[in-house]
Protein backbone atom coordinates (compact mmCIF):
# COMPACT_ATOMS: atom_id res chain seq x y z
CA MET A 1 -18.51 14.96 6.63
CA ARG A 2 -15.63 15.78 4.27
CA PRO A 3 -17.00 17.11 0.96
CA SER A 4 -16.58 14.91 -2.11
CA LEU A 5 -16.69 16.08 -5.70
CA ASN A 6 -16.93 12.63 -7.33
CA THR A 7 -15.94 14.08 -10.70
CA LEU A 8 -14.34 11.61 -13.07
CA GLY A 9 -10.57 11.89 -12.88
CA SER A 10 -10.44 14.30 -9.95
CA PRO A 11 -8.07 13.64 -7.04
CA ILE A 12 -9.25 11.83 -3.92
CA PRO A 13 -9.09 13.65 -1.55
CA ALA A 14 -10.16 16.72 -3.50
CA PHE A 15 -7.77 19.66 -3.82
CA THR A 16 -4.85 17.49 -2.67
CA GLU A 17 -1.60 17.87 -4.60
CA HIS A 18 -0.32 14.44 -3.60
CA ALA A 19 -3.62 12.53 -3.50
CA ILE A 20 -3.14 8.78 -3.86
CA SER A 21 -6.55 7.97 -5.31
CA VAL A 22 -8.66 9.19 -8.20
CA SER A 23 -12.39 9.43 -8.70
CA LEU A 24 -13.91 6.70 -10.89
CA PRO A 25 -17.54 7.22 -9.89
CA LYS A 26 -19.27 4.84 -12.32
CA TRP A 27 -18.66 1.18 -13.05
CA LEU A 28 -18.09 1.94 -16.73
CA ASP A 29 -15.47 4.54 -15.78
CA ASN A 30 -13.40 1.72 -14.27
CA VAL A 31 -13.84 -0.41 -17.37
CA GLY A 32 -12.91 2.58 -19.52
CA TYR A 33 -9.77 3.15 -17.47
CA GLU A 34 -8.69 -0.46 -17.96
CA GLU A 35 -9.40 -0.31 -21.68
CA GLY A 36 -7.62 3.01 -22.10
CA GLU A 37 -10.66 4.98 -23.23
CA ALA A 38 -9.74 8.60 -24.00
CA ARG A 39 -12.88 9.74 -22.19
CA VAL A 40 -11.44 8.40 -18.94
CA VAL A 41 -7.68 8.61 -19.39
CA ASP A 42 -7.76 12.23 -20.59
CA ALA A 43 -9.83 13.25 -17.56
CA MET A 44 -7.43 11.80 -14.98
CA ARG A 45 -5.49 14.37 -12.99
CA SER A 46 -4.46 11.92 -10.29
CA GLY A 47 -4.17 8.20 -9.58
CA TYR A 48 -2.63 5.59 -7.34
CA PRO A 49 1.10 6.42 -7.57
CA ARG A 50 2.34 2.97 -8.60
CA PHE A 51 -0.16 2.84 -11.48
CA PHE A 52 -0.44 6.50 -12.41
CA ILE A 53 2.74 8.55 -12.68
CA HIS A 54 2.15 11.92 -11.01
CA LEU A 55 2.00 14.82 -13.45
CA ASN A 56 4.99 16.54 -11.82
CA ILE A 57 7.04 13.35 -12.08
CA LYS A 58 6.14 13.24 -15.78
CA LYS A 59 7.19 16.86 -16.15
CA LEU A 60 10.55 16.19 -14.50
CA SER A 61 11.04 13.05 -16.62
CA ASN A 62 10.40 15.02 -19.80
CA LEU A 63 12.92 17.70 -18.82
CA LEU A 64 15.62 15.18 -18.02
CA GLU A 65 14.90 13.08 -21.13
CA GLN A 66 15.56 16.17 -23.23
CA LYS A 67 18.89 16.63 -21.48
CA PHE A 68 20.15 13.04 -21.30
CA GLY A 69 18.03 10.91 -23.63
CA THR A 70 17.55 10.40 -27.32
CA PRO A 71 14.27 10.97 -29.24
CA SER A 72 13.60 7.23 -29.17
CA GLU A 73 14.05 6.82 -25.40
CA SER A 74 11.71 7.09 -22.44
CA SER A 75 12.68 7.19 -18.78
CA LEU A 76 11.66 6.38 -15.23
CA LEU A 77 13.07 8.25 -12.24
CA PHE A 78 14.42 6.70 -9.04
CA PRO A 79 15.80 8.11 -5.78
CA SER A 80 18.98 5.99 -5.63
CA ARG A 81 21.45 4.16 -7.82
CA ASN A 82 20.49 0.81 -6.29
CA SER A 83 16.80 1.18 -7.15
CA ALA A 84 17.67 2.41 -10.64
CA GLU A 85 20.05 -0.50 -11.21
CA ALA A 86 17.37 -2.93 -10.04
CA CYS A 87 15.07 -1.49 -12.71
CA ARG A 88 17.81 -1.75 -15.34
CA ALA A 89 18.46 -5.38 -14.35
CA PHE A 90 14.74 -6.15 -14.65
CA LEU A 91 14.75 -4.79 -18.22
CA VAL A 92 18.03 -6.43 -19.24
CA ALA A 93 16.69 -9.80 -18.02
CA ARG A 94 13.94 -9.30 -20.60
CA ASP A 95 16.41 -8.48 -23.38
CA ILE A 96 15.74 -4.75 -23.22
CA PHE A 97 18.70 -2.41 -23.38
CA ALA A 98 18.62 0.14 -20.58
CA ARG A 99 21.08 2.59 -19.07
CA VAL A 100 21.27 4.53 -15.83
CA VAL A 101 22.15 8.22 -15.69
CA GLN A 102 22.86 10.07 -12.47
CA HIS A 103 21.92 13.76 -12.32
CA ARG A 104 22.87 15.92 -9.36
CA ILE A 105 20.31 18.70 -9.31
CA SER A 106 21.81 20.43 -6.28
CA GLU A 107 24.18 19.70 -3.45
CA CYS A 108 21.41 17.83 -1.62
CA LEU A 109 19.34 16.49 -4.54
CA CYS A 110 20.34 13.63 -6.82
CA ILE A 111 18.07 11.79 -9.27
CA PHE A 112 18.73 8.60 -11.23
CA LEU A 113 17.19 8.09 -14.66
CA VAL A 114 16.68 4.71 -16.25
CA LEU A 115 16.54 5.26 -20.01
CA PHE A 116 15.14 2.57 -22.32
CA PRO A 117 13.53 2.26 -25.77
CA GLU A 118 10.26 4.17 -25.96
CA ASP A 119 8.36 1.13 -27.20
CA LYS A 120 9.32 -0.79 -24.02
CA VAL A 121 7.69 1.61 -21.60
CA GLY A 122 5.02 -0.94 -20.72
CA THR A 123 7.60 -3.43 -19.48
CA ALA A 124 9.49 -0.73 -17.57
CA ARG A 125 6.28 0.36 -15.89
CA GLN A 126 5.90 -3.18 -14.54
CA PHE A 127 8.97 -2.57 -12.37
CA TRP A 128 7.58 0.79 -11.23
CA GLN A 129 4.25 -0.83 -10.34
CA HIS A 130 5.48 -4.03 -8.71
CA THR A 131 8.28 -2.56 -6.58
CA GLY A 132 7.03 0.92 -5.63
CA PHE A 133 10.56 2.35 -5.85
CA GLY A 134 9.79 5.28 -8.17
CA ILE A 135 10.50 8.76 -6.89
CA SER A 136 8.03 10.57 -4.68
CA SER A 137 5.87 13.29 -6.20
CA ARG A 138 7.05 15.59 -3.42
CA LEU A 139 10.66 14.93 -4.42
CA ALA A 140 9.77 15.68 -8.05
CA ILE A 141 8.24 19.02 -7.09
CA ARG A 142 11.34 19.88 -5.05
CA CYS A 143 13.58 19.06 -8.00
CA LEU A 144 11.47 21.12 -10.38
CA ALA A 145 11.56 24.08 -8.00
CA VAL A 146 15.37 23.92 -7.85
CA LEU A 147 15.65 23.63 -11.63
CA VAL A 148 13.31 26.57 -12.18
CA SER A 149 15.17 28.62 -9.60
CA ALA A 150 18.54 27.86 -11.24
CA ALA A 151 17.20 28.86 -14.65
CA SER A 152 15.62 32.12 -13.44
CA PRO A 153 17.33 35.45 -12.65
CA PRO A 154 17.83 36.18 -8.95
CA SER A 155 14.75 37.52 -7.19
CA SER A 156 13.44 37.87 -3.69
CA PRO A 157 12.72 34.28 -2.65
CA THR A 158 9.72 33.06 -0.75
CA HIS A 159 11.07 31.35 2.34
CA LEU A 160 9.62 28.35 4.10
CA LYS A 161 8.55 29.56 7.49
CA HIS A 162 9.94 27.43 10.32
CA MET A 163 6.89 25.60 11.62
CA GLY A 164 8.12 24.19 14.91
CA HIS A 165 5.90 21.63 16.62
CA ARG A 166 5.95 20.15 20.08
CA HIS A 167 5.69 16.60 18.68
CA TYR A 168 9.13 16.54 17.20
CA THR A 169 10.91 19.85 17.39
CA PRO A 170 14.12 19.37 19.39
CA LYS A 171 15.14 21.89 22.00
CA HIS A 172 17.88 23.11 19.63
CA PRO A 173 16.63 22.53 16.07
CA PRO A 174 19.42 21.51 13.67
CA ARG A 175 20.16 24.07 10.97
CA PRO A 176 19.69 23.00 7.34
CA SER A 177 23.01 22.17 5.72
CA GLY A 178 22.24 24.04 2.51
CA GLY A 179 20.73 27.42 1.72
CA THR A 180 17.19 28.48 2.52
CA ASP A 181 14.60 26.40 0.67
CA VAL A 182 12.71 28.24 -2.04
CA ILE A 183 9.17 27.21 -2.86
CA GLU A 184 6.44 28.35 -5.14
CA THR A 185 3.65 30.25 -3.43
CA ASP A 186 0.86 28.25 -5.02
CA GLN A 187 -2.33 27.23 -3.32
CA ALA A 188 -1.20 23.69 -2.46
CA VAL A 189 1.91 24.85 -0.65
CA TYR A 190 -0.05 27.55 1.16
CA LEU A 191 -2.69 25.14 2.39
CA GLU A 192 -0.19 22.54 3.55
CA GLN A 193 1.89 25.09 5.42
CA ARG A 194 -1.10 27.02 6.77
CA TYR A 195 -2.51 23.96 8.48
CA GLY A 196 0.77 22.78 9.96
CA ARG A 197 1.54 19.96 7.54
CA ASN A 198 4.51 21.40 5.67
CA LEU A 199 6.94 21.30 8.57
CA ASP A 200 10.67 21.86 8.75
CA VAL A 201 12.42 19.16 6.72
CA ALA A 202 15.29 19.32 9.21
CA ALA A 203 12.99 17.36 11.53
CA ALA A 204 12.79 14.38 9.14
CA LYS A 205 15.30 12.25 11.07
CA LEU A 206 13.26 12.72 14.23
CA ALA A 207 10.04 11.95 12.36
CA LYS A 208 11.48 8.69 11.04
CA GLY A 209 12.56 7.70 14.53
CA ALA A 210 9.06 8.41 15.77
CA LEU A 211 7.59 6.26 13.01
CA ARG A 212 9.86 3.34 13.83
CA ARG A 213 8.95 3.52 17.53
CA ARG A 214 5.26 3.78 16.73
CA ILE A 215 5.41 0.76 14.42
CA ALA A 216 7.48 -1.19 16.95
CA GLY A 217 4.75 -0.54 19.51
CA VAL A 218 7.20 0.46 22.23
CA LEU A 219 5.87 3.91 23.14
CA VAL A 220 4.33 4.33 26.57
CA ARG A 221 2.69 7.57 25.45
CA ASP A 222 2.50 8.24 21.74
CA GLU A 223 2.68 11.99 22.29
CA SER A 224 6.30 11.53 23.38
CA ALA A 225 7.16 10.06 19.99
CA VAL A 226 9.36 12.85 18.77
CA GLY A 227 10.77 15.47 21.05
CA GLY A 228 12.10 15.76 24.54
CA GLU A 229 12.00 12.74 26.84
CA ILE A 230 10.96 9.49 25.11
CA GLU A 231 9.49 6.84 27.37
CA VAL A 232 9.49 3.32 25.96
CA SER A 233 8.60 -0.11 27.30
CA GLN A 234 8.23 -3.64 26.00
CA SER A 235 6.66 -3.82 22.55
CA MET A 236 2.93 -4.35 22.25
CA ARG A 237 3.51 -6.39 19.08
CA GLY A 238 3.81 -9.71 20.93
CA ALA A 239 7.59 -10.02 20.46
CA ALA A 240 10.61 -8.21 21.89
CA VAL A 241 10.92 -5.94 18.88
CA SER A 242 12.59 -2.53 19.11
CA GLU A 243 12.68 0.48 16.81
CA HIS A 244 15.98 -0.90 15.44
CA ASP A 245 14.07 -3.88 14.01
CA VAL A 246 11.83 -1.56 11.97
CA PHE A 247 12.87 -0.42 8.48
CA LEU A 248 11.03 2.24 6.48
CA PHE A 249 10.40 2.12 2.73
CA PRO A 250 8.80 4.41 0.13
CA SER A 251 5.75 2.13 -0.22
CA GLY A 252 4.23 -1.09 1.01
CA MET A 253 5.26 -2.90 -2.18
CA SER A 254 8.87 -1.76 -1.85
CA ALA A 255 8.84 -3.34 1.63
CA ILE A 256 7.43 -6.59 0.19
CA TRP A 257 9.91 -6.62 -2.70
CA SER A 258 12.75 -5.98 -0.25
CA ALA A 259 11.56 -8.77 2.07
CA HIS A 260 11.65 -11.20 -0.86
CA GLN A 261 15.09 -10.01 -1.97
CA LEU A 262 16.34 -10.30 1.61
CA ALA A 263 15.11 -13.89 1.82
CA LEU A 264 16.79 -14.75 -1.50
CA ASP A 265 20.06 -13.18 -0.37
CA VAL A 266 20.15 -14.96 2.98
CA ARG A 267 18.56 -18.30 2.20
CA GLY A 268 19.40 -18.86 -1.47
CA ALA A 269 17.32 -19.18 -4.62
CA LYS A 270 14.27 -21.32 -3.91
CA LYS A 271 10.60 -21.05 -4.75
CA SER A 272 8.34 -19.29 -2.28
CA VAL A 273 4.71 -19.96 -1.45
CA CYS A 274 1.98 -17.38 -1.89
CA PHE A 275 -0.73 -18.47 0.54
CA GLY A 276 -4.18 -17.05 -0.15
CA PHE A 277 -5.39 -14.75 -2.91
CA PRO A 278 -3.25 -11.66 -2.33
CA TYR A 279 -3.11 -8.12 -3.55
CA THR A 280 -2.05 -8.53 -7.18
CA ASP A 281 1.51 -7.15 -7.06
CA THR A 282 2.64 -9.42 -4.23
CA LEU A 283 2.09 -12.45 -6.44
CA LYS A 284 3.82 -10.71 -9.37
CA VAL A 285 6.91 -10.04 -7.23
CA LEU A 286 7.16 -13.70 -6.23
CA GLU A 287 6.67 -14.84 -9.83
CA LYS A 288 8.99 -12.38 -11.59
CA TRP A 289 11.98 -12.40 -9.23
CA GLY A 290 13.76 -15.60 -8.24
CA PRO A 291 12.73 -19.14 -9.22
CA GLY A 292 8.98 -18.48 -8.92
CA CYS A 293 6.37 -19.59 -6.41
CA HIS A 294 3.73 -22.11 -5.50
CA PHE A 295 0.35 -20.35 -5.50
CA LEU A 296 -2.23 -21.61 -3.01
CA GLY A 297 -4.83 -19.03 -3.92
CA HIS A 298 -7.80 -20.20 -1.87
CA GLY A 299 -6.00 -19.64 1.43
CA LEU A 300 -8.25 -21.99 3.40
CA ASP A 301 -7.36 -24.56 6.06
CA SER A 302 -7.54 -27.20 3.34
CA SER A 303 -4.88 -25.24 1.46
CA ILE A 304 -2.46 -25.99 4.31
CA ASP A 305 -2.98 -29.67 3.53
CA GLU A 306 -1.86 -28.88 -0.05
CA LEU A 307 1.11 -27.00 1.37
CA GLU A 308 2.15 -30.01 3.44
CA THR A 309 2.09 -32.17 0.33
CA ILE A 310 4.30 -29.70 -1.52
CA LEU A 311 6.74 -29.55 1.38
CA GLU A 312 6.94 -33.32 1.67
CA MET A 313 7.56 -33.75 -2.07
CA GLU A 314 10.23 -31.03 -2.21
CA GLN A 315 11.93 -32.38 0.91
CA ALA A 316 12.01 -35.89 -0.56
CA GLN A 317 13.85 -34.58 -3.63
CA ASN A 318 16.39 -32.59 -1.62
CA PRO A 319 16.52 -33.94 1.95
CA ASP A 320 19.38 -31.65 3.01
CA GLU A 321 17.71 -28.40 2.01
CA SER A 322 14.70 -26.40 3.07
CA PRO A 323 11.93 -27.24 0.59
CA ILE A 324 10.88 -23.61 0.05
CA LEU A 325 12.32 -20.16 0.63
CA ALA A 326 9.45 -18.39 2.37
CA LEU A 327 5.69 -18.29 2.70
CA PHE A 328 4.03 -14.94 1.99
CA THR A 329 0.52 -14.34 3.29
CA GLU A 330 -1.86 -11.53 4.21
CA PHE A 331 -3.79 -11.32 7.47
CA PRO A 332 -6.54 -10.97 6.47
CA SER A 333 -6.34 -11.09 2.69
CA ASN A 334 -7.31 -8.43 0.18
CA PRO A 335 -10.03 -8.62 -1.17
CA LEU A 336 -11.55 -11.83 0.29
CA LEU A 337 -10.72 -11.04 3.94
CA ARG A 338 -9.62 -14.60 4.67
CA SER A 339 -7.20 -15.24 7.52
CA PRO A 340 -4.75 -18.15 7.53
CA ASP A 341 -4.11 -20.42 10.51
CA LEU A 342 -0.84 -18.77 11.52
CA ALA A 343 -0.10 -21.22 14.33
CA ARG A 344 -0.27 -24.18 11.97
CA LEU A 345 1.80 -22.39 9.34
CA ARG A 346 4.40 -21.49 11.98
CA ALA A 347 4.66 -25.13 13.03
CA LEU A 348 5.35 -26.12 9.42
CA ALA A 349 7.91 -23.31 9.04
CA ASP A 350 9.77 -24.54 12.10
CA LYS A 351 9.63 -28.15 10.92
CA TYR A 352 10.79 -27.46 7.36
CA ASP A 353 12.93 -24.38 8.08
CA PHE A 354 11.35 -21.70 5.89
CA LEU A 355 10.51 -18.06 6.55
CA ILE A 356 7.04 -16.61 7.06
CA VAL A 357 6.33 -13.10 5.79
CA VAL A 358 2.99 -11.63 6.91
CA ASP A 359 1.39 -8.54 5.40
CA ASP A 360 -0.81 -7.07 8.16
CA SER A 361 -1.94 -3.97 6.24
CA ILE A 362 -5.61 -4.95 6.39
CA GLY A 363 -5.79 -6.30 9.95
CA ASN A 364 -3.25 -3.81 11.40
CA PHE A 365 -1.50 -4.21 14.74
CA VAL A 366 -4.28 -2.47 16.67
CA ASN A 367 -6.60 -5.37 15.88
CA VAL A 368 -4.48 -8.49 15.41
CA GLU A 369 -1.21 -9.92 16.66
CA THR A 370 0.74 -11.55 13.83
CA LEU A 371 4.40 -10.80 14.61
CA PRO A 372 4.95 -13.76 17.00
CA PHE A 373 4.21 -16.16 14.13
CA ALA A 374 6.26 -14.37 11.47
CA ASP A 375 9.90 -13.88 10.67
CA ILE A 376 9.04 -10.64 8.88
CA VAL A 377 5.95 -8.44 8.99
CA VAL A 378 5.41 -5.94 6.18
CA THR A 379 2.85 -3.13 6.19
CA SER A 380 1.58 -0.59 3.71
CA LEU A 381 1.69 2.56 5.83
CA THR A 382 -0.07 4.30 2.94
CA LYS A 383 -3.34 2.80 4.12
CA LEU A 384 -4.92 3.16 7.58
CA PHE A 385 -1.65 4.00 9.35
CA SER A 386 -1.70 7.28 7.40
CA GLY A 387 -5.41 7.50 6.66
CA ASP A 388 -5.22 10.90 4.97
CA SER A 389 -4.54 9.45 1.50
CA ASN A 390 -1.83 11.99 0.76
CA VAL A 391 1.44 10.11 1.29
CA MET A 392 2.98 6.72 0.51
CA GLY A 393 5.06 4.58 2.84
CA GLY A 394 5.86 1.05 3.93
CA SER A 395 7.59 -0.79 6.76
CA LEU A 396 9.40 -4.06 7.32
CA VAL A 397 9.71 -5.48 10.86
CA LEU A 398 12.03 -8.33 11.85
CA ASN A 399 11.02 -10.67 14.68
CA PRO A 400 13.99 -11.04 17.10
CA ALA A 401 12.57 -14.31 18.45
CA ARG A 402 12.97 -16.20 15.20
CA LYS A 403 15.82 -18.55 14.24
CA HIS A 404 17.04 -16.56 11.24
CA TYR A 405 16.76 -13.14 12.84
CA ALA A 406 20.51 -12.58 13.18
CA SER A 407 21.34 -13.45 9.57
CA LEU A 408 18.38 -11.46 8.24
CA LYS A 409 19.28 -8.43 10.36
CA GLU A 410 22.96 -8.56 9.42
CA ARG A 411 22.19 -8.73 5.71
CA LEU A 412 19.49 -6.08 5.87
CA LEU A 413 21.82 -3.66 7.62
CA THR A 414 24.34 -4.06 4.81
CA ARG A 415 21.90 -3.63 1.92
CA TYR A 416 19.28 -1.28 3.36
CA GLU A 417 19.27 2.32 2.18
CA ASP A 418 16.98 4.96 3.55
CA ILE A 419 15.31 6.35 0.44
CA TYR A 420 12.07 7.30 2.14
CA TYR A 421 11.83 10.95 1.13
CA ASP A 422 12.12 13.25 4.13
CA GLU A 423 8.99 15.29 3.46
CA ASP A 424 6.94 12.12 2.98
CA ALA A 425 8.18 10.87 6.35
CA ILE A 426 7.09 14.13 7.99
CA PHE A 427 3.60 13.81 6.55
CA MET A 428 3.39 10.14 7.53
CA GLU A 429 4.47 10.83 11.09
CA ARG A 430 1.93 13.58 11.51
CA ASN A 431 -0.90 11.58 9.93
CA SER A 432 -0.26 8.50 12.07
CA ARG A 433 -0.29 10.10 15.53
CA ASN A 434 -3.94 9.17 16.07
CA PHE A 435 -3.75 5.87 14.18
CA SER A 436 -5.01 3.72 17.08
CA LEU A 437 -7.95 6.01 17.78
CA ARG A 438 -8.98 6.12 14.12
CA ALA A 439 -8.62 2.36 13.75
CA GLY A 440 -11.02 1.74 16.64
CA GLN A 441 -13.66 4.09 15.29
CA ILE A 442 -13.42 2.64 11.79
CA ASP A 443 -13.73 -0.89 13.22
CA VAL A 444 -17.05 0.09 14.82
CA ASN A 445 -18.37 1.80 11.69
CA ALA A 446 -17.40 -1.10 9.42
CA GLU A 447 -18.98 -3.71 11.66
CA ARG A 448 -22.27 -1.80 11.73
CA VAL A 449 -22.34 -1.52 7.94
CA CYS A 450 -21.42 -5.19 7.48
CA ASP A 451 -24.01 -6.38 10.00
CA PHE A 452 -26.64 -4.46 8.04
CA LEU A 453 -25.55 -5.87 4.67
CA HIS A 454 -25.04 -9.39 6.01
CA ALA A 455 -28.55 -9.43 7.43
CA ALA A 456 -29.89 -8.30 4.07
CA SER A 457 -27.93 -11.04 2.28
CA GLN A 458 -29.76 -13.76 4.27
CA ASP A 459 -32.95 -13.07 2.32
CA PRO A 460 -33.12 -15.63 -0.54
CA SER A 461 -34.12 -12.86 -2.94
CA SER A 462 -31.22 -10.60 -1.97
CA PRO A 463 -28.90 -9.37 -4.74
CA ILE A 464 -25.96 -9.78 -2.34
CA THR A 465 -24.65 -13.34 -2.34
CA GLU A 466 -21.83 -12.93 0.17
CA VAL A 467 -20.29 -10.38 2.53
CA PHE A 468 -16.55 -10.94 2.75
CA TYR A 469 -15.52 -9.73 6.20
CA PRO A 470 -13.31 -11.34 8.90
CA LYS A 471 -16.31 -11.74 11.18
CA TRP A 472 -17.59 -14.48 8.85
CA GLN A 473 -14.64 -15.48 6.64
CA THR A 474 -12.32 -18.03 8.29
CA ALA A 475 -13.65 -16.56 11.52
CA LYS A 476 -11.87 -18.99 13.82
CA ASN A 477 -8.45 -18.11 12.44
CA TYR A 478 -9.06 -14.38 12.76
CA ALA A 479 -10.41 -14.75 16.29
CA ALA A 480 -7.30 -16.66 17.33
CA ARG A 481 -5.11 -13.66 16.51
CA ARG A 482 -7.56 -10.91 17.43
CA LEU A 483 -6.34 -8.71 20.28
CA PRO A 484 -8.52 -7.89 23.31
CA GLY A 485 -10.52 -4.86 22.28
CA GLY A 486 -9.54 -5.31 18.64
CA GLY A 487 -12.08 -5.17 15.86
CA PHE A 488 -12.44 -6.68 12.40
CA GLY A 489 -10.86 -3.85 10.44
CA GLY A 490 -12.42 -1.41 8.01
CA LEU A 491 -12.39 -3.44 4.79
CA PHE A 492 -15.07 -5.69 3.32
CA SER A 493 -16.16 -6.94 -0.10
CA LEU A 494 -19.51 -7.89 -1.61
CA SER A 495 -20.42 -10.35 -4.33
CA PHE A 496 -23.71 -10.11 -6.21
CA ALA A 497 -26.20 -12.42 -7.87
CA GLY A 498 -25.80 -10.61 -11.18
CA GLN A 499 -23.65 -8.06 -12.93
CA SER A 500 -26.41 -5.49 -13.21
CA ALA A 501 -27.01 -5.58 -9.43
CA ALA A 502 -23.31 -5.03 -8.78
CA GLU A 503 -23.16 -2.09 -11.17
CA ALA A 504 -26.32 -0.53 -9.74
CA PHE A 505 -24.98 -0.83 -6.20
CA TYR A 506 -21.66 0.74 -7.13
CA ASP A 507 -23.09 3.52 -9.26
CA THR A 508 -25.59 4.51 -6.55
CA LEU A 509 -23.17 4.32 -3.63
CA ALA A 510 -22.75 7.98 -2.60
CA CYS A 511 -19.18 7.89 -1.29
CA ASP A 512 -15.76 8.41 -2.83
CA LYS A 513 -15.00 5.77 -5.42
CA GLY A 514 -11.52 4.92 -6.61
CA PRO A 515 -8.47 2.74 -5.88
CA SER A 516 -6.77 2.35 -2.47
CA LEU A 517 -8.13 1.56 1.00
CA GLY A 518 -7.61 2.39 4.65
CA THR A 519 -8.65 5.99 4.17
CA ASN A 520 -10.30 8.13 6.83
CA PHE A 521 -13.24 8.44 4.44
CA THR A 522 -15.27 5.65 2.89
CA LEU A 523 -13.82 4.52 -0.45
CA ALA A 524 -15.15 1.86 -2.81
CA CYS A 525 -14.02 0.22 -6.04
CA PRO A 526 -14.98 -2.69 -8.34
CA TYR A 527 -11.87 -4.54 -7.23
CA THR A 528 -11.64 -7.31 -9.80
CA ILE A 529 -12.13 -4.87 -12.67
CA LEU A 530 -9.26 -2.68 -11.48
CA ALA A 531 -6.85 -5.38 -10.31
CA HIS A 532 -7.52 -8.30 -12.69
CA TYR A 533 -9.24 -6.95 -15.78
CA GLY A 534 -6.95 -8.91 -18.08
CA GLU A 535 -7.41 -12.15 -16.13
CA LEU A 536 -11.04 -12.18 -14.98
CA ASP A 537 -11.57 -15.89 -15.55
CA TRP A 538 -8.39 -16.74 -13.63
CA ALA A 539 -9.48 -14.62 -10.66
CA ALA A 540 -12.93 -16.21 -10.68
CA GLN A 541 -11.31 -19.64 -10.19
CA TYR A 542 -10.20 -18.45 -6.75
CA GLY A 543 -13.56 -17.02 -5.73
CA VAL A 544 -12.90 -13.45 -6.84
CA PRO A 545 -15.81 -12.69 -9.21
CA LYS A 546 -16.02 -9.93 -11.77
CA SER A 547 -18.92 -8.40 -9.82
CA LEU A 548 -16.91 -7.92 -6.60
CA VAL A 549 -17.24 -4.52 -4.93
CA ARG A 550 -14.64 -3.72 -2.27
CA VAL A 551 -15.36 -1.08 0.38
CA SER A 552 -13.05 0.59 2.86
CA VAL A 553 -15.16 2.20 5.58
CA GLY A 554 -14.16 5.57 7.01
CA LEU A 555 -14.86 7.84 9.96
CA GLU A 556 -18.18 9.26 8.77
CA ASN A 557 -21.30 9.54 10.89
CA PRO A 558 -22.86 6.06 11.36
CA GLU A 559 -26.31 7.24 10.35
CA TRP A 560 -24.95 8.74 7.14
CA LEU A 561 -23.20 5.46 6.37
CA ARG A 562 -26.40 3.49 6.99
CA THR A 563 -28.34 5.74 4.63
CA VAL A 564 -25.71 5.59 1.88
CA PHE A 565 -25.51 1.80 1.93
CA ALA A 566 -29.27 1.35 2.26
CA ASN A 567 -29.78 3.46 -0.88
CA ALA A 568 -27.18 1.47 -2.79
CA LEU A 569 -28.77 -1.79 -1.65
CA ARG A 570 -32.20 -0.66 -2.87
CA ALA A 571 -30.73 0.15 -6.28
CA ALA A 572 -29.17 -3.33 -6.44
CA GLU A 573 -32.47 -4.91 -5.41
CA ASP A 574 -34.30 -3.04 -8.17
CA ALA A 575 -31.75 -4.13 -10.77
CA HIS A 576 -31.86 -7.74 -9.56
CA ARG A 577 -35.67 -7.72 -9.67
CA ALA A 578 -35.64 -6.32 -13.19
CA ASP A 579 -33.29 -9.09 -14.32
CA ALA A 580 -35.55 -11.70 -12.76
CA ASN A 581 -38.62 -10.24 -14.47
CA ALA A 582 -36.82 -10.06 -17.80
CA GLY A 583 -35.88 -13.73 -17.54
CA ALA A 584 -39.35 -14.86 -16.48
């Protein structure tokens, strides 16, 4: 099993320069993080990149603020003018003055700063969080290295060794257009290069092509994804999708934001529908851009009845127009693991002429087939597709079988820009080569853990009140889209009879604990505390209690997993029993 330090504020995975999670090992650590306690905040050396700005990004921001800003200004950094201008527009719409500065660091490196009043940093960070368009930490490190090199006297450089690889090294590797890359010989760089992860950036174009083919599901043999002869066939995604229908983004949220913007551009300004209780930023995107949305947060079959009422009312007011822009839904949802009736939703979309956008990050295309029912499928590649928790990424897939495919594709081709940082793409491609194999093993592990906990929850005295897992939540809808041989995914959530039982379970659980999911290792968090701390009562209205613990199961030994969860369950039982005795 991979070693875990579980020290407050340490990166998850440990010793990982670009880790996308952070250790919050106790329940009160999560509360302290949300309340801004110095004990917690000062200890954090890492965090989920849309919520925690990487220390090297902060360092680069500070350097560029000194050069281009005023003492009363703060900045955020973006990889393109379009993303920076989108941030500026977000701030201007809220009556905040902002300006964009372009800085060419080298012939091949260009960064865009959005400068704004220092006291408005909280609002600016909303854009960073909701859209996921901020620069990559790897790009920040590259920029810093170039700046340091330019400011230092000439010396003998340390050269990146060409690390060719059969997976995507062409027969005649293209030569870099600029000079030889110079890097710092620190431990992180050494480890990444030593174990074959820091590969030649010249291969990035090939890596991105491999990713698009892998996501499109057209590869006959995944090992042929990147070099030499590439054998493809009809997509396994349930629609005639090709790699040219797949678009890569810096994060899952940037794919979702772009899908919404694409719908607005092509179909006009109308409200969307958010169906089911989604990951928090999806709802924020639909609320803060465009005319807003109808929120059907329970995401049950009865919610489709509510949707039909909304559609009928909107259609009656404007008979010549589609009543809504698009319906956004997750399959299954995070954190309640509910699955919508996609066939029924598709029938309504065809009748009333609106788009369906499905986020399949939790179910993933190894387990479920959602593309035939969607106009657009978005995925956070950061999660199980990568698994290693060391790189961000997202994808958007258009369904060629749908009515609006041509107009969506035409518009996307005109507005899309590839700002997925090359080195991130290389890491993502390498991490995802065994995606299908890992997904199957995690499915098995998660089902064993959930069967154990579900059986325990049937005891009337159990501290666990519900196990949220597709096997039992809206099971018929999930089964209808489940592929032959597919599992239920690696994510589940637990609700508890009391707060003390939830805290005891979480504190005792001997696995990594922090934000994110879909990791190759088991990772848990008190989801509602981290995602909805400022709106706990609102979340509870939709069946998302304060005591919810969300778990993403990994690749560990099944017996180890059984022991870890059995110990945590005993601690919860003890706490629940103590509460009962105290109230007697």
